[in-house]
């Protein structure tokens, strides 16, 4: 029997290795597509993105504009101009009614500055309460095209029991009169598109299902921590595509 040359054997081994590598990559991609919040690359490619809508980021308890550094980068990679990305800052230790009123003024200023008729809001944690009060109680839904709530404390969190000396934390505790105002009746008023992202691994929003809003597209993230969302480029990319839809 004729013996194969070493060069030919190396060629066969390379081909087998390449085949296994391709199979492994395909399997990994398939697993990602089956994740609760995954979007297919094909769908993203064929869907034209609208990136002209200004985006207002609303941080959580004790947060600030720096929380959105990664999000801003992700949105810019998805086609947004930096001049269309804004971060609203508020007093974490004050009153969320005043914070929501401040958000209303901030949104009006963004609309005036950009000439847009509506903005999109992306919030995190207690920013969910500020945003929901603005949209529902203050009628801000008429100025908001999309609302994306990342681990929002939309129905409160028992974790707020650690800071009840502050009005904002009292308002963030489940069953508060503030939460009753934003959760009674229609939780997703107007023509605004609503979506939430929540996870059992959150650790701060307790129960973690508190983030979900009736009438919204509620995305169950397999496992992400409360602060981890702020640098999760996969979830932030999904949010950018949601806002652009």
C-alpha atoms as a PDB file:
ATOM      1  CA  UNK A   1       0.000   0.000   0.000  1.00  0.00           C
ATOM      2  CA  UNK A   2       1.312   3.389  -0.960  1.00  0.00           C
ATOM      3  CA  UNK A   3       2.350   5.557   1.970  1.00  0.00           C
ATOM      4  CA  UNK A   4       1.069   9.142   2.086  1.00  0.00           C
ATOM      5  CA  UNK A   5       3.675  11.852   2.197  1.00  0.00           C
ATOM      6  CA  UNK A   6       4.000  13.948   5.408  1.00  0.00           C
ATOM      7  CA  UNK A   7       2.912  17.012   3.455  1.00  0.00           C
ATOM      8  CA  UNK A   8      -0.311  15.328   2.358  1.00  0.00           C
ATOM      9  CA  UNK A   9      -1.044  14.161   5.907  1.00  0.00           C
ATOM     10  CA  UNK A  10      -0.577  17.710   7.204  1.00  0.00           C
ATOM     11  CA  UNK A  11      -3.028  18.933   4.585  1.00  0.00           C
ATOM     12  CA  UNK A  12      -5.675  16.429   5.675  1.00  0.00           C
ATOM     13  CA  UNK A  13      -5.214  17.346   9.345  1.00  0.00           C
ATOM     14  CA  UNK A  14      -5.568  21.054   8.537  1.00  0.00           C
ATOM     15  CA  UNK A  15      -8.806  20.422   6.667  1.00  0.00           C
ATOM     16  CA  UNK A  16     -10.245  18.377   9.563  1.00  0.00           C
ATOM     17  CA  UNK A  17      -9.219  21.064  12.072  1.00  0.00           C
ATOM     18  CA  UNK A  18     -10.865  23.785   9.992  1.00  0.00           C
ATOM     19  CA  UNK A  19     -14.072  21.754   9.769  1.00  0.00           C
ATOM     20  CA  UNK A  20     -14.258  21.317  13.553  1.00  0.00           C
ATOM     21  CA  UNK A  21     -13.508  25.003  14.087  1.00  0.00           C
ATOM     22  CA  UNK A  22     -16.322  26.008  11.733  1.00  0.00           C
ATOM     23  CA  UNK A  23     -18.710  23.571  13.427  1.00  0.00           C
ATOM     24  CA  UNK A  24     -17.803  24.944  16.865  1.00  0.00           C
ATOM     25  CA  UNK A  25     -18.373  28.541  15.759  1.00  0.00           C
ATOM     26  CA  UNK A  26     -21.726  27.672  14.225  1.00  0.00           C
ATOM     27  CA  UNK A  27     -22.846  25.892  17.387  1.00  0.00           C
ATOM     28  CA  UNK A  28     -21.879  28.841  19.581  1.00  0.00           C
ATOM     29  CA  UNK A  29     -23.766  31.260  17.374  1.00  0.00           C
ATOM     30  CA  UNK A  30     -26.814  29.010  17.481  1.00  0.00           C
ATOM     31  CA  UNK A  31     -26.712  28.957  21.271  1.00  0.00           C
ATOM     32  CA  UNK A  32     -26.552  32.747  21.383  1.00  0.00           C
ATOM     33  CA  UNK A  33     -29.531  32.993  19.034  1.00  0.00           C
ATOM     34  CA  UNK A  34     -31.540  30.861  21.419  1.00  0.00           C
ATOM     35  CA  UNK A  35     -30.820  33.167  24.363  1.00  0.00           C
ATOM     36  CA  UNK A  36     -33.956  35.000  25.639  1.00  0.00           C
ATOM     37  CA  UNK A  37     -32.958  38.443  24.341  1.00  0.00           C
ATOM     38  CA  UNK A  38     -30.808  37.571  21.331  1.00  0.00           C
ATOM     39  CA  UNK A  39     -31.361  39.175  17.919  1.00  0.00           C
ATOM     40  CA  UNK A  40     -30.307  37.411  14.740  1.00  0.00           C
ATOM     41  CA  UNK A  41     -27.594  38.998  12.652  1.00  0.00           C
ATOM     42  CA  UNK A  42     -29.757  38.546   9.558  1.00  0.00           C
ATOM     43  CA  UNK A  43     -32.653  40.462  11.053  1.00  0.00           C
ATOM     44  CA  UNK A  44     -30.334  43.303  12.092  1.00  0.00           C
ATOM     45  CA  UNK A  45     -28.834  43.403   8.608  1.00  0.00           C
ATOM     46  CA  UNK A  46     -32.119  43.623   6.701  1.00  0.00           C
ATOM     47  CA  UNK A  47     -33.814  46.055   9.074  1.00  0.00           C
ATOM     48  CA  UNK A  48     -32.903  49.671   8.311  1.00  0.00           C
ATOM     49  CA  UNK A  49     -31.947  51.538  11.458  1.00  0.00           C
ATOM     50  CA  UNK A  50     -33.361  54.979  12.253  1.00  0.00           C
ATOM     51  CA  UNK A  51     -30.758  56.804  14.304  1.00  0.00           C
ATOM     52  CA  UNK A  52     -32.076  60.343  14.058  1.00  0.00           C
ATOM     53  CA  UNK A  53     -34.043  60.192  17.318  1.00  0.00           C
ATOM     54  CA  UNK A  54     -32.203  61.852  20.232  1.00  0.00           C
ATOM     55  CA  UNK A  55     -31.571  59.532  23.170  1.00  0.00           C
ATOM     56  CA  UNK A  56     -31.817  60.605  26.799  1.00  0.00           C
ATOM     57  CA  UNK A  57     -30.085  58.325  29.323  1.00  0.00           C
ATOM     58  CA  UNK A  58     -31.421  58.357  32.895  1.00  0.00           C
ATOM     59  CA  UNK A  59     -29.113  56.873  35.550  1.00  0.00           C
ATOM     60  CA  UNK A  60     -30.044  54.995  38.717  1.00  0.00           C
ATOM     61  CA  UNK A  61     -29.688  55.632  42.449  1.00  0.00           C
ATOM     62  CA  UNK A  62     -26.343  57.374  43.240  1.00  0.00           C
ATOM     63  CA  UNK A  63     -25.462  57.262  39.532  1.00  0.00           C
ATOM     64  CA  UNK A  64     -24.416  59.989  37.110  1.00  0.00           C
ATOM     65  CA  UNK A  65     -23.709  60.643  33.442  1.00  0.00           C
ATOM     66  CA  UNK A  66     -20.486  58.602  33.536  1.00  0.00           C
ATOM     67  CA  UNK A  67     -22.596  55.436  33.886  1.00  0.00           C
ATOM     68  CA  UNK A  68     -23.414  55.729  30.191  1.00  0.00           C
ATOM     69  CA  UNK A  69     -19.910  55.822  28.668  1.00  0.00           C
ATOM     70  CA  UNK A  70     -20.213  52.310  27.225  1.00  0.00           C
ATOM     71  CA  UNK A  71     -23.809  52.858  26.129  1.00  0.00           C
ATOM     72  CA  UNK A  72     -22.848  56.010  24.261  1.00  0.00           C
ATOM     73  CA  UNK A  73     -20.110  54.110  22.435  1.00  0.00           C
ATOM     74  CA  UNK A  74     -22.502  51.303  21.512  1.00  0.00           C
ATOM     75  CA  UNK A  75     -25.109  53.737  20.211  1.00  0.00           C
ATOM     76  CA  UNK A  76     -22.490  55.558  18.157  1.00  0.00           C
ATOM     77  CA  UNK A  77     -21.324  52.238  16.690  1.00  0.00           C
ATOM     78  CA  UNK A  78     -24.950  51.676  15.692  1.00  0.00           C
ATOM     79  CA  UNK A  79     -25.069  54.967  13.790  1.00  0.00           C
ATOM     80  CA  UNK A  80     -25.940  57.699  16.281  1.00  0.00           C
ATOM     81  CA  UNK A  81     -24.137  61.006  16.236  1.00  0.00           C
ATOM     82  CA  UNK A  82     -22.664  61.990  19.591  1.00  0.00           C
ATOM     83  CA  UNK A  83     -24.673  65.213  19.336  1.00  0.00           C
ATOM     84  CA  UNK A  84     -27.887  63.150  19.614  1.00  0.00           C
ATOM     85  CA  UNK A  85     -26.927  61.419  22.883  1.00  0.00           C
ATOM     86  CA  UNK A  86     -27.744  63.102  26.203  1.00  0.00           C
ATOM     87  CA  UNK A  87     -27.489  62.117  29.872  1.00  0.00           C
ATOM     88  CA  UNK A  88     -29.899  63.512  32.444  1.00  0.00           C
ATOM     89  CA  UNK A  89     -28.561  63.845  35.996  1.00  0.00           C
ATOM     90  CA  UNK A  90     -30.756  64.249  39.075  1.00  0.00           C
ATOM     91  CA  UNK A  91     -30.595  64.264  42.873  1.00  0.00           C
ATOM     92  CA  UNK A  92     -30.586  60.649  44.073  1.00  0.00           C
ATOM     93  CA  UNK A  93     -31.366  61.749  47.634  1.00  0.00           C
ATOM     94  CA  UNK A  94     -34.167  64.210  46.876  1.00  0.00           C
ATOM     95  CA  UNK A  95     -37.638  63.432  45.571  1.00  0.00           C
ATOM     96  CA  UNK A  96     -38.456  61.479  42.422  1.00  0.00           C
ATOM     97  CA  UNK A  97     -41.404  63.756  41.679  1.00  0.00           C
ATOM     98  CA  UNK A  98     -38.990  66.673  41.380  1.00  0.00           C
ATOM     99  CA  UNK A  99     -36.576  64.434  39.466  1.00  0.00           C
ATOM    100  CA  UNK A 100     -39.319  63.577  36.963  1.00  0.00           C
ATOM    101  CA  UNK A 101     -40.203  67.246  36.598  1.00  0.00           C
ATOM    102  CA  UNK A 102     -36.550  67.941  35.907  1.00  0.00           C
ATOM    103  CA  UNK A 103     -36.571  65.199  33.270  1.00  0.00           C
ATOM    104  CA  UNK A 104     -39.551  66.891  31.605  1.00  0.00           C
ATOM    105  CA  UNK A 105     -37.594  70.144  31.363  1.00  0.00           C
ATOM    106  CA  UNK A 106     -34.502  68.301  30.140  1.00  0.00           C
ATOM    107  CA  UNK A 107     -36.452  66.516  27.378  1.00  0.00           C
ATOM    108  CA  UNK A 108     -38.004  69.787  26.236  1.00  0.00           C
ATOM    109  CA  UNK A 109     -34.531  71.329  26.023  1.00  0.00           C
ATOM    110  CA  UNK A 110     -33.251  68.374  23.995  1.00  0.00           C
ATOM    111  CA  UNK A 111     -36.192  68.667  21.612  1.00  0.00           C
ATOM    112  CA  UNK A 112     -35.556  72.385  21.216  1.00  0.00           C
ATOM    113  CA  UNK A 113     -31.821  71.880  20.687  1.00  0.00           C
ATOM    114  CA  UNK A 114     -32.177  69.072  18.138  1.00  0.00           C
ATOM    115  CA  UNK A 115     -35.429  70.069  16.448  1.00  0.00           C
ATOM    116  CA  UNK A 116     -36.842  66.599  17.147  1.00  0.00           C
ATOM    117  CA  UNK A 117     -40.502  66.099  18.012  1.00  0.00           C
ATOM    118  CA  UNK A 118     -39.732  63.111  20.249  1.00  0.00           C
ATOM    119  CA  UNK A 119     -36.829  61.538  22.118  1.00  0.00           C
ATOM    120  CA  UNK A 120     -36.053  58.006  23.246  1.00  0.00           C
ATOM    121  CA  UNK A 121     -35.376  57.318  26.925  1.00  0.00           C
ATOM    122  CA  UNK A 122     -33.020  54.634  28.210  1.00  0.00           C
ATOM    123  CA  UNK A 123     -33.076  54.250  31.977  1.00  0.00           C
ATOM    124  CA  UNK A 124     -31.391  52.120  34.639  1.00  0.00           C
ATOM    125  CA  UNK A 125     -32.539  51.124  38.124  1.00  0.00           C
ATOM    126  CA  UNK A 126     -34.245  54.013  39.969  1.00  0.00           C
ATOM    127  CA  UNK A 127     -34.190  55.880  36.670  1.00  0.00           C
ATOM    128  CA  UNK A 128     -37.155  53.650  35.831  1.00  0.00           C
ATOM    129  CA  UNK A 129     -39.240  55.376  38.505  1.00  0.00           C
ATOM    130  CA  UNK A 130     -38.210  58.836  37.304  1.00  0.00           C
ATOM    131  CA  UNK A 131     -39.018  57.921  33.705  1.00  0.00           C
ATOM    132  CA  UNK A 132     -42.331  56.207  34.443  1.00  0.00           C
ATOM    133  CA  UNK A 133     -43.576  59.158  36.495  1.00  0.00           C
ATOM    134  CA  UNK A 134     -42.621  61.520  33.675  1.00  0.00           C
ATOM    135  CA  UNK A 135     -44.327  59.441  30.982  1.00  0.00           C
ATOM    136  CA  UNK A 136     -47.462  58.496  32.892  1.00  0.00           C
ATOM    137  CA  UNK A 137     -48.209  61.140  35.500  1.00  0.00           C
ATOM    138  CA  UNK A 138     -46.712  64.175  33.740  1.00  0.00           C
ATOM    139  CA  UNK A 139     -47.900  63.119  30.282  1.00  0.00           C
ATOM    140  CA  UNK A 140     -44.392  62.817  28.871  1.00  0.00           C
ATOM    141  CA  UNK A 141     -45.321  59.835  26.685  1.00  0.00           C
ATOM    142  CA  UNK A 142     -46.324  62.296  23.952  1.00  0.00           C
ATOM    143  CA  UNK A 143     -42.665  63.342  23.733  1.00  0.00           C
ATOM    144  CA  UNK A 144     -41.135  59.852  23.910  1.00  0.00           C
ATOM    145  CA  UNK A 145     -40.941  57.450  20.976  1.00  0.00           C
ATOM    146  CA  UNK A 146     -39.231  54.567  22.823  1.00  0.00           C
ATOM    147  CA  UNK A 147     -38.614  53.740  26.455  1.00  0.00           C
ATOM    148  CA  UNK A 148     -36.009  51.109  27.340  1.00  0.00           C
ATOM    149  CA  UNK A 149     -35.825  50.179  31.022  1.00  0.00           C
ATOM    150  CA  UNK A 150     -32.666  48.330  32.102  1.00  0.00           C
ATOM    151  CA  UNK A 151     -33.166  46.626  35.478  1.00  0.00           C
ATOM    152  CA  UNK A 152     -35.637  49.387  36.280  1.00  0.00           C
ATOM    153  CA  UNK A 153     -37.120  49.510  39.790  1.00  0.00           C
ATOM    154  CA  UNK A 154     -40.494  49.920  38.119  1.00  0.00           C
ATOM    155  CA  UNK A 155     -42.474  48.128  40.833  1.00  0.00           C
ATOM    156  CA  UNK A 156     -39.975  48.819  43.584  1.00  0.00           C
ATOM    157  CA  UNK A 157     -37.247  46.811  45.287  1.00  0.00           C
ATOM    158  CA  UNK A 158     -36.959  45.634  48.875  1.00  0.00           C
ATOM    159  CA  UNK A 159     -33.271  46.535  48.621  1.00  0.00           C
ATOM    160  CA  UNK A 160     -34.403  50.150  49.110  1.00  0.00           C
ATOM    161  CA  UNK A 161     -35.034  49.250  52.728  1.00  0.00           C
ATOM    162  CA  UNK A 162     -31.335  49.941  53.309  1.00  0.00           C
ATOM    163  CA  UNK A 163     -31.723  53.667  52.588  1.00  0.00           C
ATOM    164  CA  UNK A 164     -35.196  54.610  53.774  1.00  0.00           C
ATOM    165  CA  UNK A 165     -33.867  57.798  55.375  1.00  0.00           C
ATOM    166  CA  UNK A 166     -34.100  59.281  51.860  1.00  0.00           C
ATOM    167  CA  UNK A 167     -37.387  60.136  50.165  1.00  0.00           C
ATOM    168  CA  UNK A 168     -36.258  58.553  46.905  1.00  0.00           C
ATOM    169  CA  UNK A 169     -35.716  55.201  48.645  1.00  0.00           C
ATOM    170  CA  UNK A 170     -39.073  55.435  50.408  1.00  0.00           C
ATOM    171  CA  UNK A 171     -40.638  55.951  46.984  1.00  0.00           C
ATOM    172  CA  UNK A 172     -38.647  53.010  45.583  1.00  0.00           C
ATOM    173  CA  UNK A 173     -39.866  50.545  48.217  1.00  0.00           C
ATOM    174  CA  UNK A 174     -42.576  48.120  46.992  1.00  0.00           C
ATOM    175  CA  UNK A 175     -46.086  49.283  47.837  1.00  0.00           C
ATOM    176  CA  UNK A 176     -45.219  52.976  48.154  1.00  0.00           C
ATOM    177  CA  UNK A 177     -47.779  55.555  47.080  1.00  0.00           C
ATOM    178  CA  UNK A 178     -45.315  56.703  44.408  1.00  0.00           C
ATOM    179  CA  UNK A 179     -45.207  53.231  42.839  1.00  0.00           C
ATOM    180  CA  UNK A 180     -48.985  52.968  43.080  1.00  0.00           C
ATOM    181  CA  UNK A 181     -49.258  56.100  40.953  1.00  0.00           C
ATOM    182  CA  UNK A 182     -47.094  54.749  38.151  1.00  0.00           C
ATOM    183  CA  UNK A 183     -48.321  51.144  38.198  1.00  0.00           C
ATOM    184  CA  UNK A 184     -52.091  51.550  38.553  1.00  0.00           C
ATOM    185  CA  UNK A 185     -54.059  51.301  35.333  1.00  0.00           C
ATOM    186  CA  UNK A 186     -52.086  51.444  32.093  1.00  0.00           C
ATOM    187  CA  UNK A 187     -48.370  50.977  32.766  1.00  0.00           C
ATOM    188  CA  UNK A 188     -47.402  51.737  29.169  1.00  0.00           C
ATOM    189  CA  UNK A 189     -49.539  54.709  28.107  1.00  0.00           C
ATOM    190  CA  UNK A 190     -49.642  56.384  24.725  1.00  0.00           C
ATOM    191  CA  UNK A 191     -48.014  55.318  21.469  1.00  0.00           C
ATOM    192  CA  UNK A 192     -44.562  55.002  23.033  1.00  0.00           C
ATOM    193  CA  UNK A 193     -42.835  51.664  22.427  1.00  0.00           C
ATOM    194  CA  UNK A 194     -41.800  50.123  25.760  1.00  0.00           C
ATOM    195  CA  UNK A 195     -39.230  47.412  26.473  1.00  0.00           C
ATOM    196  CA  UNK A 196     -37.511  46.142  29.606  1.00  0.00           C
ATOM    197  CA  UNK A 197     -34.447  44.020  30.343  1.00  0.00           C
ATOM    198  CA  UNK A 198     -34.341  42.050  33.609  1.00  0.00           C
ATOM    199  CA  UNK A 199     -32.416  39.113  35.089  1.00  0.00           C
ATOM    200  CA  UNK A 200     -32.617  36.680  37.993  1.00  0.00           C
ATOM    201  CA  UNK A 201     -28.935  37.448  38.648  1.00  0.00           C
ATOM    202  CA  UNK A 202     -29.644  41.167  39.234  1.00  0.00           C
ATOM    203  CA  UNK A 203     -29.158  41.135  43.009  1.00  0.00           C
ATOM    204  CA  UNK A 204     -30.457  44.694  43.583  1.00  0.00           C
ATOM    205  CA  UNK A 205     -33.938  44.687  42.081  1.00  0.00           C
ATOM    206  CA  UNK A 206     -35.803  42.380  44.454  1.00  0.00           C
ATOM    207  CA  UNK A 207     -37.865  40.683  43.232  1.00  0.00           C
ATOM    208  CA  UNK A 208     -36.076  40.826  39.880  1.00  0.00           C
ATOM    209  CA  UNK A 209     -39.392  40.629  38.006  1.00  0.00           C
ATOM    210  CA  UNK A 210     -40.197  44.100  39.358  1.00  0.00           C
ATOM    211  CA  UNK A 211     -38.712  45.561  36.174  1.00  0.00           C
ATOM    212  CA  UNK A 212     -41.351  44.103  33.863  1.00  0.00           C
ATOM    213  CA  UNK A 213     -44.110  46.389  32.610  1.00  0.00           C
ATOM    214  CA  UNK A 214     -47.504  45.226  31.436  1.00  0.00           C
ATOM    215  CA  UNK A 215     -47.788  46.059  27.745  1.00  0.00           C
ATOM    216  CA  UNK A 216     -44.020  46.213  27.178  1.00  0.00           C
ATOM    217  CA  UNK A 217     -41.667  43.814  25.444  1.00  0.00           C
ATOM    218  CA  UNK A 218     -40.054  42.256  28.518  1.00  0.00           C
ATOM    219  CA  UNK A 219     -36.667  40.639  27.837  1.00  0.00           C
ATOM    220  CA  UNK A 220     -35.405  38.048  30.304  1.00  0.00           C
ATOM    221  CA  UNK A 221     -31.608  38.179  30.266  1.00  0.00           C
ATOM    222  CA  UNK A 222     -30.122  34.801  31.158  1.00  0.00           C
ATOM    223  CA  UNK A 223     -27.771  36.132  33.840  1.00  0.00           C
ATOM    224  CA  UNK A 224     -26.564  39.698  34.376  1.00  0.00           C
ATOM    225  CA  UNK A 225     -25.822  41.694  37.511  1.00  0.00           C
ATOM    226  CA  UNK A 226     -27.426  45.033  38.242  1.00  0.00           C
ATOM    227  CA  UNK A 227     -24.312  47.093  37.506  1.00  0.00           C
ATOM    228  CA  UNK A 228     -23.050  44.679  34.854  1.00  0.00           C
ATOM    229  CA  UNK A 229     -25.729  45.892  32.449  1.00  0.00           C
ATOM    230  CA  UNK A 230     -23.954  49.237  32.130  1.00  0.00           C
ATOM    231  CA  UNK A 231     -21.028  47.581  30.326  1.00  0.00           C
ATOM    232  CA  UNK A 232     -22.924  44.735  28.648  1.00  0.00           C
ATOM    233  CA  UNK A 233     -22.388  45.566  24.986  1.00  0.00           C
ATOM    234  CA  UNK A 234     -24.685  42.739  23.849  1.00  0.00           C
ATOM    235  CA  UNK A 235     -27.700  44.035  25.784  1.00  0.00           C
ATOM    236  CA  UNK A 236     -26.839  47.652  25.007  1.00  0.00           C
ATOM    237  CA  UNK A 237     -26.666  46.723  21.324  1.00  0.00           C
ATOM    238  CA  UNK A 238     -30.122  45.167  21.541  1.00  0.00           C
ATOM    239  CA  UNK A 239     -31.398  48.364  23.147  1.00  0.00           C
ATOM    240  CA  UNK A 240     -29.857  50.499  20.409  1.00  0.00           C
ATOM    241  CA  UNK A 241     -31.602  48.374  17.788  1.00  0.00           C
ATOM    242  CA  UNK A 242     -34.885  48.568  19.716  1.00  0.00           C
ATOM    243  CA  UNK A 243     -34.664  52.382  19.814  1.00  0.00           C
ATOM    244  CA  UNK A 244     -33.864  52.415  16.101  1.00  0.00           C
ATOM    245  CA  UNK A 245     -36.852  50.205  15.238  1.00  0.00           C
END
